[in-house]
Amino acid sequence: MMAVHTASLEDPAVRDLIAYHQQDMEEMSPPGTSWALDLSGLSGPSVTVLGA
């Protein structure tokens, strides 16, 4: 069973995963079609980052 929980952007593993995902999407998507919040955008009070 998978347990879902709130993830911390202070966790280096979470930061690395977000960076990897953004880089991979940039490389795999057609030009101009990949949009993502950076860490400052994800750290806003209205955003919850989940992990499993």
C-alpha atoms as a PDB file:
ATOM      1  CA  MET A   1       0.000   0.000   0.000  1.00  0.00           C
ATOM      2  CA  MET A   2       1.270   3.474  -0.824  1.00  0.00           C
ATOM      3  CA  ALA A   3       1.222   6.133   1.874  1.00  0.00           C
ATOM      4  CA  VAL A   4       0.801   9.720   0.647  1.00  0.00           C
ATOM      5  CA  HIS A   5       2.060  12.546   2.846  1.00  0.00           C
ATOM      6  CA  THR A   6       2.979  16.225   2.703  1.00  0.00           C
ATOM      7  CA  ALA A   7       6.506  16.590   1.316  1.00  0.00           C
ATOM      8  CA  SER A   8       9.011  19.199   2.444  1.00  0.00           C
ATOM      9  CA  LEU A   9      10.743  21.398  -0.108  1.00  0.00           C
ATOM     10  CA  GLU A  10      13.620  21.521   2.375  1.00  0.00           C
ATOM     11  CA  ASP A  11      14.267  17.809   1.693  1.00  0.00           C
ATOM     12  CA  PRO A  12      17.138  17.509  -0.828  1.00  0.00           C
ATOM     13  CA  ALA A  13      15.551  14.379  -2.351  1.00  0.00           C
ATOM     14  CA  VAL A  14      12.314  16.286  -3.049  1.00  0.00           C
ATOM     15  CA  ARG A  15      14.229  19.191  -4.557  1.00  0.00           C
ATOM     16  CA  ASP A  16      16.271  16.818  -6.730  1.00  0.00           C
ATOM     17  CA  LEU A  17      13.144  15.017  -7.945  1.00  0.00           C
ATOM     18  CA  ILE A  18      11.458  18.314  -8.888  1.00  0.00           C
ATOM     19  CA  ALA A  19      14.590  19.483 -10.730  1.00  0.00           C
ATOM     20  CA  TYR A  20      14.884  16.145 -12.546  1.00  0.00           C
ATOM     21  CA  HIS A  21      11.215  16.204 -13.561  1.00  0.00           C
ATOM     22  CA  GLN A  22      11.427  19.774 -14.867  1.00  0.00           C
ATOM     23  CA  GLN A  23      14.595  19.021 -16.855  1.00  0.00           C
ATOM     24  CA  ASP A  24      13.137  15.814 -18.287  1.00  0.00           C
ATOM     25  CA  MET A  25       9.915  17.540 -19.350  1.00  0.00           C
ATOM     26  CA  GLU A  26      11.881  20.346 -21.012  1.00  0.00           C
ATOM     27  CA  GLU A  27      13.896  17.787 -22.988  1.00  0.00           C
ATOM     28  CA  MET A  28      10.940  15.572 -23.967  1.00  0.00           C
ATOM     29  CA  SER A  29       8.294  18.211 -24.756  1.00  0.00           C
ATOM     30  CA  PRO A  30       7.976  20.193 -27.967  1.00  0.00           C
ATOM     31  CA  PRO A  31       9.491  23.689 -27.650  1.00  0.00           C
ATOM     32  CA  GLY A  32       7.285  26.109 -25.761  1.00  0.00           C
ATOM     33  CA  THR A  33       4.929  23.472 -24.333  1.00  0.00           C
ATOM     34  CA  SER A  34       6.391  22.735 -20.901  1.00  0.00           C
ATOM     35  CA  TRP A  35       5.440  24.992 -17.984  1.00  0.00           C
ATOM     36  CA  ALA A  36       6.233  24.383 -14.333  1.00  0.00           C
ATOM     37  CA  LEU A  37       6.534  26.296 -11.102  1.00  0.00           C
ATOM     38  CA  ASP A  38      10.075  26.604  -9.777  1.00  0.00           C
ATOM     39  CA  LEU A  39      10.825  26.026  -6.094  1.00  0.00           C
ATOM     40  CA  SER A  40       9.858  29.590  -5.188  1.00  0.00           C
ATOM     41  CA  GLY A  41       6.472  29.104  -6.858  1.00  0.00           C
ATOM     42  CA  LEU A  42       5.940  25.756  -5.160  1.00  0.00           C
ATOM     43  CA  SER A  43       6.742  27.191  -1.740  1.00  0.00           C
ATOM     44  CA  GLY A  44       3.771  29.574  -1.743  1.00  0.00           C
ATOM     45  CA  PRO A  45       1.108  29.254   0.958  1.00  0.00           C
ATOM     46  CA  SER A  46      -1.532  28.026  -1.502  1.00  0.00           C
ATOM     47  CA  VAL A  47       0.544  25.063  -2.752  1.00  0.00           C
ATOM     48  CA  THR A  48       0.863  21.668  -1.072  1.00  0.00           C
ATOM     49  CA  VAL A  49       3.535  19.297  -2.353  1.00  0.00           C
ATOM     50  CA  LEU A  50       2.734  15.625  -1.789  1.00  0.00           C
ATOM     51  CA  GLY A  51       5.079  12.666  -1.656  1.00  0.00           C
ATOM     52  CA  ALA A  52       4.699   8.933  -1.443  1.00  0.00           C
END
